[in-house]
C-alpha atoms as a PDB file:
ATOM      1  CA  MET A   1     -60.980  54.080  -7.255  1.00  0.00           C
ATOM      2  CA  VAL A   2     -64.417  53.672  -8.771  1.00  0.00           C
ATOM      3  CA  HIS A   3     -67.283  51.266  -8.349  1.00  0.00           C
ATOM      4  CA  GLY A   4     -70.792  50.546  -9.484  1.00  0.00           C
ATOM      5  CA  ASP A   5     -72.453  53.447 -11.287  1.00  0.00           C
ATOM      6  CA  THR A   6     -69.294  55.544 -11.121  1.00  0.00           C
ATOM      7  CA  ILE A   7     -67.639  55.849 -14.522  1.00  0.00           C
ATOM      8  CA  CYS A   8     -64.556  57.910 -13.891  1.00  0.00           C
ATOM      9  CA  ASN A   9     -62.284  59.157 -11.184  1.00  0.00           C
ATOM     10  CA  TRP A  10     -60.875  62.522 -12.089  1.00  0.00           C
ATOM     11  CA  HIS A  11     -58.170  64.589 -10.609  1.00  0.00           C
ATOM     12  CA  VAL A  12     -57.558  68.315 -11.018  1.00  0.00           C
ATOM     13  CA  ASP A  13     -54.158  69.773 -10.316  1.00  0.00           C
ATOM     14  CA  THR A  14     -53.108  73.370  -9.810  1.00  0.00           C
ATOM     15  CA  LEU A  15     -49.604  74.150 -10.980  1.00  0.00           C
ATOM     16  CA  HIS A  16     -48.424  74.000  -7.392  1.00  0.00           C
ATOM     17  CA  GLY A  17     -50.697  71.254  -6.085  1.00  0.00           C
ATOM     18  CA  GLY A  18     -53.886  69.525  -7.123  1.00  0.00           C
ATOM     19  CA  ASP A  19     -57.510  68.463  -6.845  1.00  0.00           C
ATOM     20  CA  THR A  20     -59.204  65.137  -7.397  1.00  0.00           C
ATOM     21  CA  ILE A  21     -62.562  64.837  -9.094  1.00  0.00           C
ATOM     22  CA  SER A  22     -64.346  61.534  -9.566  1.00  0.00           C
ATOM     23  CA  ASN A  23     -67.665  60.351 -11.013  1.00  0.00           C
ATOM     24  CA  TRP A  24     -69.707  60.223 -14.151  1.00  0.00           C
ATOM     25  CA  GLN A  25     -72.233  63.054 -14.574  1.00  0.00           C
ATOM     26  CA  ILE A  26     -70.934  65.213 -11.725  1.00  0.00           C
ATOM     27  CA  GLY A  27     -67.351  64.746 -12.835  1.00  0.00           C
ATOM     28  CA  TYR A  28     -68.313  65.544 -16.413  1.00  0.00           C
ATOM     29  CA  ALA A  29     -70.075  68.707 -15.181  1.00  0.00           C
ATOM     30  CA  ILE A  30     -67.406  69.862 -12.757  1.00  0.00           C
ATOM     31  CA  ALA A  31     -64.308  69.437 -14.948  1.00  0.00           C
ATOM     32  CA  PRO A  32     -65.118  72.395 -17.248  1.00  0.00           C
ATOM     33  CA  MET A  33     -66.101  74.470 -14.205  1.00  0.00           C
ATOM     34  CA  VAL A  34     -62.676  73.948 -12.678  1.00  0.00           C
ATOM     35  CA  ALA A  35     -60.972  74.569 -16.018  1.00  0.00           C
ATOM     36  CA  ARG A  36     -62.988  77.787 -16.398  1.00  0.00           C
ATOM     37  CA  GLY A  37     -61.957  79.020 -12.919  1.00  0.00           C
ATOM     38  CA  ILE A  38     -65.276  78.688 -11.105  1.00  0.00           C
ATOM     39  CA  MET A  39     -63.717  76.676  -8.284  1.00  0.00           C
ATOM     40  CA  LEU A  40     -60.277  78.225  -7.845  1.00  0.00           C
ATOM     41  CA  GLY A  41     -60.596  81.595  -9.541  1.00  0.00           C
ATOM     42  CA  PRO A  42     -59.993  83.101 -12.985  1.00  0.00           C
ATOM     43  CA  ASP A  43     -56.216  83.360 -12.582  1.00  0.00           C
ATOM     44  CA  GLN A  44     -55.330  79.859 -11.330  1.00  0.00           C
ATOM     45  CA  PRO A  45     -53.851  77.574 -14.020  1.00  0.00           C
ATOM     46  CA  VAL A  46     -54.818  73.917 -13.567  1.00  0.00           C
ATOM     47  CA  ILE A  47     -53.697  70.475 -14.670  1.00  0.00           C
ATOM     48  CA  LEU A  48     -56.452  67.864 -14.943  1.00  0.00           C
ATOM     49  CA  HIS A  49     -55.524  64.343 -13.902  1.00  0.00           C
ATOM     50  CA  LEU A  50     -57.974  61.805 -15.335  1.00  0.00           C
ATOM     51  CA  LEU A  51     -58.234  58.464 -13.556  1.00  0.00           C
ATOM     52  CA  ASP A  52     -60.640  55.619 -14.260  1.00  0.00           C
ATOM     53  CA  ILE A  53     -61.199  51.895 -14.231  1.00  0.00           C
ATOM     54  CA  GLU A  54     -59.864  50.072 -17.256  1.00  0.00           C
ATOM     55  CA  HIS A  55     -63.129  49.397 -19.101  1.00  0.00           C
ATOM     56  CA  ALA A  56     -63.972  53.129 -19.157  1.00  0.00           C
ATOM     57  CA  ALA A  57     -60.698  54.189 -20.769  1.00  0.00           C
ATOM     58  CA  GLU A  58     -62.333  54.950 -24.130  1.00  0.00           C
ATOM     59  CA  SER A  59     -64.989  57.163 -22.542  1.00  0.00           C
ATOM     60  CA  LEU A  60     -62.325  58.936 -20.544  1.00  0.00           C
ATOM     61  CA  ASN A  61     -60.339  59.583 -23.698  1.00  0.00           C
ATOM     62  CA  GLY A  62     -63.427  61.214 -25.188  1.00  0.00           C
ATOM     63  CA  ILE A  63     -63.583  63.577 -22.210  1.00  0.00           C
ATOM     64  CA  ARG A  64     -59.907  64.325 -22.690  1.00  0.00           C
ATOM     65  CA  MET A  65     -60.635  65.275 -26.294  1.00  0.00           C
ATOM     66  CA  GLU A  66     -63.508  67.541 -25.267  1.00  0.00           C
ATOM     67  CA  LEU A  67     -61.345  69.323 -22.724  1.00  0.00           C
ATOM     68  CA  THR A  68     -58.746  69.920 -25.426  1.00  0.00           C
ATOM     69  CA  ASP A  69     -61.380  71.115 -27.903  1.00  0.00           C
ATOM     70  CA  ALA A  70     -62.812  73.595 -25.383  1.00  0.00           C
ATOM     71  CA  ALA A  71     -59.473  75.481 -25.372  1.00  0.00           C
ATOM     72  CA  PHE A  72     -59.701  76.536 -21.730  1.00  0.00           C
ATOM     73  CA  PRO A  73     -57.029  79.187 -21.155  1.00  0.00           C
ATOM     74  CA  LEU A  74     -56.415  77.978 -17.567  1.00  0.00           C
ATOM     75  CA  LEU A  75     -56.050  74.329 -18.531  1.00  0.00           C
ATOM     76  CA  LYS A  76     -52.359  73.625 -18.912  1.00  0.00           C
ATOM     77  CA  ASP A  77     -52.366  69.848 -19.296  1.00  0.00           C
ATOM     78  CA  VAL A  78     -54.439  66.658 -19.053  1.00  0.00           C
ATOM     79  CA  VAL A  79     -52.501  63.764 -17.532  1.00  0.00           C
ATOM     80  CA  GLU A  80     -52.960  60.622 -15.429  1.00  0.00           C
ATOM     81  CA  ALA A  81     -52.218  59.784 -11.771  1.00  0.00           C
ATOM     82  CA  CYS A  82     -52.552  62.016  -8.741  1.00  0.00           C
ATOM     83  CA  LYS A  83     -49.132  63.006  -7.472  1.00  0.00           C
ATOM     84  CA  ASP A  84     -48.958  66.001  -5.110  1.00  0.00           C
ATOM     85  CA  VAL A  85     -52.669  66.813  -5.184  1.00  0.00           C
ATOM     86  CA  ASN A  86     -53.747  69.502  -2.749  1.00  0.00           C
ATOM     87  CA  ILE A  87     -57.513  69.493  -3.318  1.00  0.00           C
ATOM     88  CA  ALA A  88     -59.428  66.229  -3.695  1.00  0.00           C
ATOM     89  CA  VAL A  89     -63.123  66.112  -4.597  1.00  0.00           C
ATOM     90  CA  MET A  90     -64.100  62.472  -4.272  1.00  0.00           C
ATOM     91  CA  LEU A  91     -67.168  61.518  -6.313  1.00  0.00           C
ATOM     92  CA  GLY A  92     -66.782  57.761  -6.617  1.00  0.00           C
ATOM     93  CA  GLY A  93     -69.090  55.515  -4.622  1.00  0.00           C
ATOM     94  CA  SER A  94     -71.920  53.020  -4.639  1.00  0.00           C
ATOM     95  CA  PRO A  95     -75.349  54.374  -3.625  1.00  0.00           C
ATOM     96  CA  GLN A  96     -77.866  52.412  -1.595  1.00  0.00           C
ATOM     97  CA  LYS A  97     -80.521  50.937  -3.865  1.00  0.00           C
ATOM     98  CA  GLU A  98     -83.978  50.149  -2.580  1.00  0.00           C
ATOM     99  CA  ILE A  99     -83.216  46.432  -2.546  1.00  0.00           C
ATOM    100  CA  THR A 100     -79.747  46.843  -1.028  1.00  0.00           C
ATOM    101  CA  LEU A 101     -79.159  46.303   2.661  1.00  0.00           C
ATOM    102  CA  ARG A 102     -77.479  49.230   4.388  1.00  0.00           C
ATOM    103  CA  LYS A 103     -74.675  46.952   5.571  1.00  0.00           C
ATOM    104  CA  ASP A 104     -73.993  45.828   1.994  1.00  0.00           C
ATOM    105  CA  MET A 105     -73.892  49.431   0.804  1.00  0.00           C
ATOM    106  CA  LEU A 106     -71.563  50.428   3.651  1.00  0.00           C
ATOM    107  CA  SER A 107     -69.341  47.422   3.016  1.00  0.00           C
ATOM    108  CA  THR A 108     -68.997  48.305  -0.670  1.00  0.00           C
ATOM    109  CA  ASN A 109     -68.202  51.945   0.063  1.00  0.00           C
ATOM    110  CA  ALA A 110     -65.830  51.029   2.874  1.00  0.00           C
ATOM    111  CA  SER A 111     -63.690  49.087   0.409  1.00  0.00           C
ATOM    112  CA  ILE A 112     -63.879  51.921  -2.146  1.00  0.00           C
ATOM    113  CA  TYR A 113     -62.811  54.612   0.307  1.00  0.00           C
ATOM    114  CA  LYS A 114     -60.143  52.481   1.899  1.00  0.00           C
ATOM    115  CA  ALA A 115     -58.598  52.065  -1.555  1.00  0.00           C
ATOM    116  CA  GLN A 116     -58.933  55.772  -2.378  1.00  0.00           C
ATOM    117  CA  ALA A 117     -57.498  56.739   1.002  1.00  0.00           C
ATOM    118  CA  LEU A 118     -54.420  54.574   0.461  1.00  0.00           C
ATOM    119  CA  ILE A 119     -53.788  56.255  -2.882  1.00  0.00           C
ATOM    120  CA  LEU A 120     -54.134  59.735  -1.373  1.00  0.00           C
ATOM    121  CA  GLU A 121     -51.932  58.708   1.541  1.00  0.00           C
ATOM    122  CA  GLU A 122     -49.184  57.719  -0.887  1.00  0.00           C
ATOM    123  CA  HIS A 123     -49.482  60.470  -3.487  1.00  0.00           C
ATOM    124  CA  ALA A 124     -51.324  63.541  -2.148  1.00  0.00           C
ATOM    125  CA  ALA A 125     -49.610  66.693  -0.951  1.00  0.00           C
ATOM    126  CA  ALA A 126     -49.202  67.101   2.806  1.00  0.00           C
ATOM    127  CA  ASP A 127     -51.758  69.925   2.844  1.00  0.00           C
ATOM    128  CA  CYS A 128     -54.335  68.101   0.707  1.00  0.00           C
ATOM    129  CA  LYS A 129     -57.918  69.256   1.256  1.00  0.00           C
ATOM    130  CA  VAL A 130     -60.508  66.516   0.687  1.00  0.00           C
ATOM    131  CA  SER A 131     -64.244  66.782   0.076  1.00  0.00           C
ATOM    132  CA  VAL A 132     -66.302  63.581  -0.192  1.00  0.00           C
ATOM    133  CA  VAL A 133     -69.540  63.854  -2.183  1.00  0.00           C
ATOM    134  CA  PRO A 134     -71.330  60.486  -2.615  1.00  0.00           C
ATOM    135  CA  ASN A 135     -73.486  58.919   0.091  1.00  0.00           C
ATOM    136  CA  PRO A 136     -72.943  57.824   2.742  1.00  0.00           C
ATOM    137  CA  ALA A 137     -70.748  60.925   2.527  1.00  0.00           C
ATOM    138  CA  ASN A 138     -70.057  61.440   6.233  1.00  0.00           C
ATOM    139  CA  THR A 139     -69.131  57.804   6.781  1.00  0.00           C
ATOM    140  CA  ASN A 140     -67.125  57.615   3.562  1.00  0.00           C
ATOM    141  CA  ALA A 141     -65.111  60.614   4.734  1.00  0.00           C
ATOM    142  CA  LEU A 142     -64.515  59.010   8.118  1.00  0.00           C
ATOM    143  CA  ILE A 143     -63.240  55.831   6.459  1.00  0.00           C
ATOM    144  CA  LEU A 144     -60.970  57.874   4.234  1.00  0.00           C
ATOM    145  CA  LYS A 145     -59.551  59.600   7.309  1.00  0.00           C
ATOM    146  CA  GLN A 146     -58.785  56.263   8.935  1.00  0.00           C
ATOM    147  CA  PHE A 147     -56.721  55.027   6.004  1.00  0.00           C
ATOM    148  CA  ALA A 148     -55.054  58.324   5.136  1.00  0.00           C
ATOM    149  CA  PRO A 149     -53.653  59.192   8.582  1.00  0.00           C
ATOM    150  CA  SER A 150     -51.081  61.685   7.300  1.00  0.00           C
ATOM    151  CA  ILE A 151     -53.822  63.976   5.996  1.00  0.00           C
ATOM    152  CA  PRO A 152     -54.866  66.272   8.866  1.00  0.00           C
ATOM    153  CA  LYS A 153     -58.350  65.510  10.202  1.00  0.00           C
ATOM    154  CA  GLU A 154     -59.311  69.147   9.578  1.00  0.00           C
ATOM    155  CA  ASN A 155     -58.589  68.593   5.885  1.00  0.00           C
ATOM    156  CA  ILE A 156     -61.154  65.828   5.379  1.00  0.00           C
ATOM    157  CA  THR A 157     -64.723  67.002   4.867  1.00  0.00           C
ATOM    158  CA  CYS A 158     -67.922  65.919   3.198  1.00  0.00           C
ATOM    159  CA  LEU A 159     -70.328  67.867   1.036  1.00  0.00           C
ATOM    160  CA  THR A 160     -73.576  69.198   2.498  1.00  0.00           C
ATOM    161  CA  ARG A 161     -73.393  72.374   0.418  1.00  0.00           C
ATOM    162  CA  LEU A 162     -75.919  71.124  -2.141  1.00  0.00           C
ATOM    163  CA  ASP A 163     -78.560  70.852   0.582  1.00  0.00           C
ATOM    164  CA  HIS A 164     -77.416  74.201   1.986  1.00  0.00           C
ATOM    165  CA  ASN A 165     -77.851  75.825  -1.441  1.00  0.00           C
ATOM    166  CA  ARG A 166     -81.209  74.133  -1.910  1.00  0.00           C
ATOM    167  CA  ALA A 167     -82.388  75.418   1.476  1.00  0.00           C
ATOM    168  CA  LEU A 168     -81.385  78.963   0.531  1.00  0.00           C
ATOM    169  CA  GLY A 169     -83.375  78.600  -2.668  1.00  0.00           C
ATOM    170  CA  GLN A 170     -86.482  77.259  -0.914  1.00  0.00           C
ATOM    171  CA  ILE A 171     -86.448  80.018   1.722  1.00  0.00           C
ATOM    172  CA  ALA A 172     -85.880  82.695  -0.919  1.00  0.00           C
ATOM    173  CA  ASP A 173     -88.827  81.349  -2.883  1.00  0.00           C
ATOM    174  CA  ARG A 174     -90.998  81.350   0.238  1.00  0.00           C
ATOM    175  CA  LEU A 175     -90.049  84.957   1.029  1.00  0.00           C
ATOM    176  CA  LYS A 176     -90.254  86.097  -2.613  1.00  0.00           C
ATOM    177  CA  VAL A 177     -86.721  87.508  -2.502  1.00  0.00           C
ATOM    178  CA  HIS A 178     -83.544  86.818  -4.447  1.00  0.00           C
ATOM    179  CA  VAL A 179     -81.508  83.879  -3.169  1.00  0.00           C
ATOM    180  CA  SER A 180     -78.484  86.161  -2.667  1.00  0.00           C
ATOM    181  CA  ASP A 181     -80.507  88.043  -0.036  1.00  0.00           C
ATOM    182  CA  VAL A 182     -80.770  84.950   2.212  1.00  0.00           C
ATOM    183  CA  LYS A 183     -77.917  83.630   4.341  1.00  0.00           C
ATOM    184  CA  ASN A 184     -77.003  81.454   7.307  1.00  0.00           C
ATOM    185  CA  VAL A 185     -79.294  78.474   6.987  1.00  0.00           C
ATOM    186  CA  ILE A 186     -77.765  75.405   8.626  1.00  0.00           C
ATOM    187  CA  ILE A 187     -77.533  71.757   7.622  1.00  0.00           C
ATOM    188  CA  TRP A 188     -76.829  69.776  10.785  1.00  0.00           C
ATOM    189  CA  GLY A 189     -75.538  66.222  10.884  1.00  0.00           C
ATOM    190  CA  ASN A 190     -75.608  63.340   8.465  1.00  0.00           C
ATOM    191  CA  HIS A 191     -76.065  63.785   4.720  1.00  0.00           C
ATOM    192  CA  SER A 192     -79.162  61.568   4.785  1.00  0.00           C
ATOM    193  CA  THR A 193     -82.868  61.722   5.546  1.00  0.00           C
ATOM    194  CA  THR A 194     -82.022  62.453   9.194  1.00  0.00           C
ATOM    195  CA  GLU A 195     -80.094  65.643   8.459  1.00  0.00           C
ATOM    196  CA  TYR A 196     -81.670  68.662  10.117  1.00  0.00           C
ATOM    197  CA  LEU A 197     -82.325  71.769   8.029  1.00  0.00           C
ATOM    198  CA  GLU A 198     -82.523  74.722  10.393  1.00  0.00           C
ATOM    199  CA  VAL A 199     -83.405  78.382   9.708  1.00  0.00           C
ATOM    200  CA  ASN A 200     -83.618  79.735  13.270  1.00  0.00           C
ATOM    201  CA  HIS A 201     -80.466  81.826  12.762  1.00  0.00           C
ATOM    202  CA  ALA A 202     -80.953  82.646   9.078  1.00  0.00           C
ATOM    203  CA  THR A 203     -81.486  86.215   7.894  1.00  0.00           C
ATOM    204  CA  PHE A 204     -82.504  87.962   4.713  1.00  0.00           C
ATOM    205  CA  THR A 205     -81.813  91.425   3.383  1.00  0.00           C
ATOM    206  CA  THR A 206     -84.586  94.021   3.176  1.00  0.00           C
ATOM    207  CA  ARG A 207     -84.648  97.747   2.464  1.00  0.00           C
ATOM    208  CA  ASN A 208     -84.436  98.276   6.207  1.00  0.00           C
ATOM    209  CA  GLY A 209     -81.485  95.967   6.721  1.00  0.00           C
ATOM    210  CA  GLU A 210     -81.188  92.312   7.665  1.00  0.00           C
ATOM    211  CA  ARG A 211     -84.192  90.638   9.243  1.00  0.00           C
ATOM    212  CA  PRO A 212     -84.539  87.164  10.796  1.00  0.00           C
ATOM    213  CA  VAL A 213     -86.109  84.641   8.464  1.00  0.00           C
ATOM    214  CA  ARG A 214     -88.148  83.315  11.387  1.00  0.00           C
ATOM    215  CA  GLU A 215     -89.977  86.653  11.667  1.00  0.00           C
ATOM    216  CA  HIS A 216     -91.407  86.160   8.200  1.00  0.00           C
ATOM    217  CA  VAL A 217     -91.530  82.365   7.998  1.00  0.00           C
ATOM    218  CA  ALA A 218     -93.255  81.619  11.274  1.00  0.00           C
ATOM    219  CA  ASP A 219     -95.068  78.574   9.958  1.00  0.00           C
ATOM    220  CA  ASP A 220     -93.615  75.757  12.070  1.00  0.00           C
ATOM    221  CA  HIS A 221     -95.739  73.183  10.293  1.00  0.00           C
ATOM    222  CA  TRP A 222     -94.294  74.153   6.899  1.00  0.00           C
ATOM    223  CA  LEU A 223     -90.730  74.230   8.241  1.00  0.00           C
ATOM    224  CA  LYS A 224     -91.064  70.799   9.873  1.00  0.00           C
ATOM    225  CA  THR A 225     -92.941  69.092   7.031  1.00  0.00           C
ATOM    226  CA  GLU A 226     -93.110  70.458   3.492  1.00  0.00           C
ATOM    227  CA  PHE A 227     -89.790  72.320   3.683  1.00  0.00           C
ATOM    228  CA  ILE A 228     -87.907  69.226   4.841  1.00  0.00           C
ATOM    229  CA  THR A 229     -89.685  66.753   2.558  1.00  0.00           C
ATOM    230  CA  THR A 230     -89.122  69.017  -0.445  1.00  0.00           C
ATOM    231  CA  MET A 231     -85.413  69.085   0.387  1.00  0.00           C
ATOM    232  CA  GLN A 232     -85.225  65.341   0.965  1.00  0.00           C
ATOM    233  CA  GLN A 233     -87.004  64.551  -2.302  1.00  0.00           C
ATOM    234  CA  ARG A 234     -85.428  67.264  -4.437  1.00  0.00           C
ATOM    235  CA  GLY A 235     -82.976  64.950  -6.151  1.00  0.00           C
ATOM    236  CA  VAL A 236     -85.696  62.436  -6.979  1.00  0.00           C
ATOM    237  CA  ALA A 237     -87.940  65.224  -8.278  1.00  0.00           C
ATOM    238  CA  ILE A 238     -85.182  66.462 -10.591  1.00  0.00           C
ATOM    239  CA  ILE A 239     -84.558  62.947 -11.935  1.00  0.00           C
ATOM    240  CA  LYS A 240     -88.281  62.570 -12.585  1.00  0.00           C
ATOM    241  CA  ALA A 241     -88.444  65.939 -14.347  1.00  0.00           C
ATOM    242  CA  ARG A 242     -85.341  65.712 -16.562  1.00  0.00           C
ATOM    243  CA  LYS A 243     -84.776  61.933 -16.624  1.00  0.00           C
ATOM    244  CA  ALA A 244     -81.259  62.466 -15.289  1.00  0.00           C
ATOM    245  CA  SER A 245     -79.603  63.308 -11.987  1.00  0.00           C
ATOM    246  CA  SER A 246     -78.949  66.757 -10.543  1.00  0.00           C
ATOM    247  CA  ALA A 247     -75.313  66.659 -11.655  1.00  0.00           C
ATOM    248  CA  PHE A 248     -75.089  70.353 -12.520  1.00  0.00           C
ATOM    249  CA  SER A 249     -76.244  71.669  -9.142  1.00  0.00           C
ATOM    250  CA  ALA A 250     -74.109  69.081  -7.344  1.00  0.00           C
ATOM    251  CA  ALA A 251     -71.050  70.181  -9.339  1.00  0.00           C
ATOM    252  CA  ILE A 252     -71.759  73.827  -8.497  1.00  0.00           C
ATOM    253  CA  ALA A 253     -72.104  72.919  -4.813  1.00  0.00           C
ATOM    254  CA  ALA A 254     -68.769  71.068  -4.895  1.00  0.00           C
ATOM    255  CA  CYS A 255     -67.138  74.144  -6.434  1.00  0.00           C
ATOM    256  CA  ASP A 256     -68.785  76.393  -3.815  1.00  0.00           C
ATOM    257  CA  HIS A 257     -67.539  74.149  -1.009  1.00  0.00           C
ATOM    258  CA  ILE A 258     -63.924  74.259  -2.164  1.00  0.00           C
ATOM    259  CA  ARG A 259     -63.961  77.925  -3.200  1.00  0.00           C
ATOM    260  CA  ASP A 260     -65.202  79.123   0.199  1.00  0.00           C
ATOM    261  CA  TRP A 261     -62.824  76.782   2.023  1.00  0.00           C
ATOM    262  CA  VAL A 262     -59.845  78.094   0.063  1.00  0.00           C
ATOM    263  CA  PHE A 263     -60.749  81.774  -0.257  1.00  0.00           C
ATOM    264  CA  GLY A 264     -62.966  82.297   2.795  1.00  0.00           C
ATOM    265  CA  THR A 265     -66.615  82.984   3.523  1.00  0.00           C
ATOM    266  CA  PRO A 266     -67.963  86.559   3.373  1.00  0.00           C
ATOM    267  CA  LYS A 267     -67.989  88.439   6.665  1.00  0.00           C
ATOM    268  CA  GLY A 268     -71.078  87.639   8.696  1.00  0.00           C
ATOM    269  CA  THR A 269     -71.875  84.585   6.592  1.00  0.00           C
ATOM    270  CA  TRP A 270     -71.505  80.901   7.288  1.00  0.00           C
ATOM    271  CA  VAL A 271     -71.954  77.781   5.175  1.00  0.00           C
ATOM    272  CA  SER A 272     -72.629  74.126   5.957  1.00  0.00           C
ATOM    273  CA  MET A 273     -69.808  71.593   5.768  1.00  0.00           C
ATOM    274  CA  GLY A 274     -69.404  68.059   7.041  1.00  0.00           C
ATOM    275  CA  VAL A 275     -66.337  68.343   9.263  1.00  0.00           C
ATOM    276  CA  TYR A 276     -64.555  66.444  12.018  1.00  0.00           C
ATOM    277  CA  SER A 277     -66.486  67.023  15.237  1.00  0.00           C
ATOM    278  CA  ASP A 278     -64.601  68.499  18.168  1.00  0.00           C
ATOM    279  CA  GLY A 279     -67.539  68.105  20.550  1.00  0.00           C
ATOM    280  CA  SER A 280     -69.168  71.439  19.689  1.00  0.00           C
ATOM    281  CA  TYR A 281     -72.905  71.642  20.425  1.00  0.00           C
ATOM    282  CA  GLY A 282     -72.719  68.357  22.320  1.00  0.00           C
ATOM    283  CA  ILE A 283     -72.029  66.342  19.187  1.00  0.00           C
ATOM    284  CA  PRO A 284     -69.770  63.360  19.944  1.00  0.00           C
ATOM    285  CA  PRO A 285     -66.208  63.915  18.750  1.00  0.00           C
ATOM    286  CA  ARG A 286     -64.578  61.865  16.005  1.00  0.00           C
ATOM    287  CA  LEU A 287     -67.628  61.972  13.749  1.00  0.00           C
ATOM    288  CA  ILE A 288     -67.804  63.744  10.386  1.00  0.00           C
ATOM    289  CA  TYR A 289     -70.862  65.914  11.099  1.00  0.00           C
ATOM    290  CA  SER A 290     -72.318  68.865   9.231  1.00  0.00           C
ATOM    291  CA  PHE A 291     -71.965  72.125  11.158  1.00  0.00           C
ATOM    292  CA  PRO A 292     -72.258  75.802  10.301  1.00  0.00           C
ATOM    293  CA  VAL A 293     -68.700  76.937   9.569  1.00  0.00           C
ATOM    294  CA  LYS A 294     -66.810  80.071   8.668  1.00  0.00           C
ATOM    295  CA  CYS A 295     -63.705  79.847   6.494  1.00  0.00           C
ATOM    296  CA  GLU A 296     -60.644  82.080   6.512  1.00  0.00           C
ATOM    297  CA  LYS A 297     -57.147  81.661   5.075  1.00  0.00           C
ATOM    298  CA  GLY A 298     -57.802  78.119   3.916  1.00  0.00           C
ATOM    299  CA  LYS A 299     -59.180  76.893   7.250  1.00  0.00           C
ATOM    300  CA  TRP A 300     -62.679  76.302   8.557  1.00  0.00           C
ATOM    301  CA  SER A 301     -63.991  76.879  12.073  1.00  0.00           C
ATOM    302  CA  ILE A 302     -67.317  75.870  13.571  1.00  0.00           C
ATOM    303  CA  VAL A 303     -69.605  78.817  14.347  1.00  0.00           C
ATOM    304  CA  GLN A 304     -69.968  78.935  18.124  1.00  0.00           C
ATOM    305  CA  GLY A 305     -72.553  80.274  20.548  1.00  0.00           C
ATOM    306  CA  LEU A 306     -75.748  79.619  18.582  1.00  0.00           C
ATOM    307  CA  LYS A 307     -78.840  79.081  20.709  1.00  0.00           C
ATOM    308  CA  ILE A 308     -80.244  75.589  20.262  1.00  0.00           C
ATOM    309  CA  ASP A 309     -83.929  75.074  21.100  1.00  0.00           C
ATOM    310  CA  GLU A 310     -85.431  71.818  22.337  1.00  0.00           C
ATOM    311  CA  TYR A 311     -86.678  70.696  18.933  1.00  0.00           C
ATOM    312  CA  SER A 312     -83.317  71.386  17.296  1.00  0.00           C
ATOM    313  CA  ARG A 313     -81.512  69.519  20.067  1.00  0.00           C
ATOM    314  CA  ALA A 314     -83.598  66.412  19.460  1.00  0.00           C
ATOM    315  CA  MET A 315     -83.086  66.563  15.687  1.00  0.00           C
ATOM    316  CA  MET A 316     -79.331  67.130  16.005  1.00  0.00           C
ATOM    317  CA  ASP A 317     -78.989  64.216  18.407  1.00  0.00           C
ATOM    318  CA  ALA A 318     -81.025  61.931  16.167  1.00  0.00           C
ATOM    319  CA  THR A 319     -78.787  62.499  13.155  1.00  0.00           C
ATOM    320  CA  ALA A 320     -75.689  62.069  15.353  1.00  0.00           C
ATOM    321  CA  LYS A 321     -77.080  58.744  16.568  1.00  0.00           C
ATOM    322  CA  GLU A 322     -77.425  57.545  12.983  1.00  0.00           C
ATOM    323  CA  LEU A 323     -73.830  58.541  12.245  1.00  0.00           C
ATOM    324  CA  ILE A 324     -72.601  56.608  15.286  1.00  0.00           C
ATOM    325  CA  GLU A 325     -74.492  53.534  14.081  1.00  0.00           C
ATOM    326  CA  LYS A 326     -73.057  53.848  10.567  1.00  0.00           C
ATOM    327  CA  LYS A 327     -69.561  54.358  11.958  1.00  0.00           C
ATOM    328  CA  SER A 328     -69.866  51.160  13.969  1.00  0.00           C
ATOM    329  CA  LEU A 329     -71.288  49.242  11.018  1.00  0.00           C
ATOM    330  CA  ALA A 330     -68.576  50.492   8.657  1.00  0.00           C
ATOM    331  CA  LYS A 331     -65.920  49.474  11.201  1.00  0.00           C
ATOM    332  CA  SER A 332     -67.317  45.943  11.298  1.00  0.00           C
ATOM    333  CA  CYS A 333     -67.173  45.809   7.495  1.00  0.00           C
ATOM    334  CA  LEU A 334     -63.474  46.641   7.542  1.00  0.00           C
ATOM    335  CA  GLU A 335     -62.511  44.057  10.164  1.00  0.00           C
END
């Protein structure tokens, strides 16, 4: 279930279901968060299922020892396999290197997610919720759906929450307010350089109540250039600064994604999730596309009725076009 730079495939299990977590730095960061209750709450006991390729068994055993040494009160056991999981956070994948053709990258990930899907299809609980993290996240999730047909399409998502959180942080910094005062930014489309970061419906809290972000950030040039390029290059900038990837913020985003999906979003607030398109906002159905969603009682729903201006329409269509192309290319890799 792992490939390339991915070291380990991890699985987290509640006492009446489970979660899967895979990957090296992100997995290493997220495991203690889950065991501490950041993802599923301070009262939910968990069982961690650790899965990996054979040559990483020693490293995985070291992680097992650390989890034991941390004495997490919620952590009831550390075992192998992934029977009856009900939350799966998939972190394994092969990224596109500069010298790698997109088709080669898609072909590699298609085989990875076909294999992972078959395992989930056989072992996961009927209500399993899946979040795919590594790029091409939307396409990986779509492949997983194809080969895990018993998992409801509404239960397979991909992570765009890291970009959503980053956008909140950038807008808060621009407005000189606390990030908790900003809400309802939107990440539309593909988790790639074509994704559209939109603030037309975002608000922030002031002494006089909520105000539209656009009233105070009216600089279209900044929003269409520096804001987007900062977001697109954020991961690279972090690697350059700390000589390592942004595993911590990605792990937090993965926890945020699952926590809001399971427990619900606050009233009047939406988040960004890559979900199965139903045709909303003119986006072709049967794509995994990032929309603004609200969550309640363990289910998500796409926020409806938002006004879409001409510029947004063009950007949303462009990222949908890329997803259609990747879908077609991934299909050819699996034939």
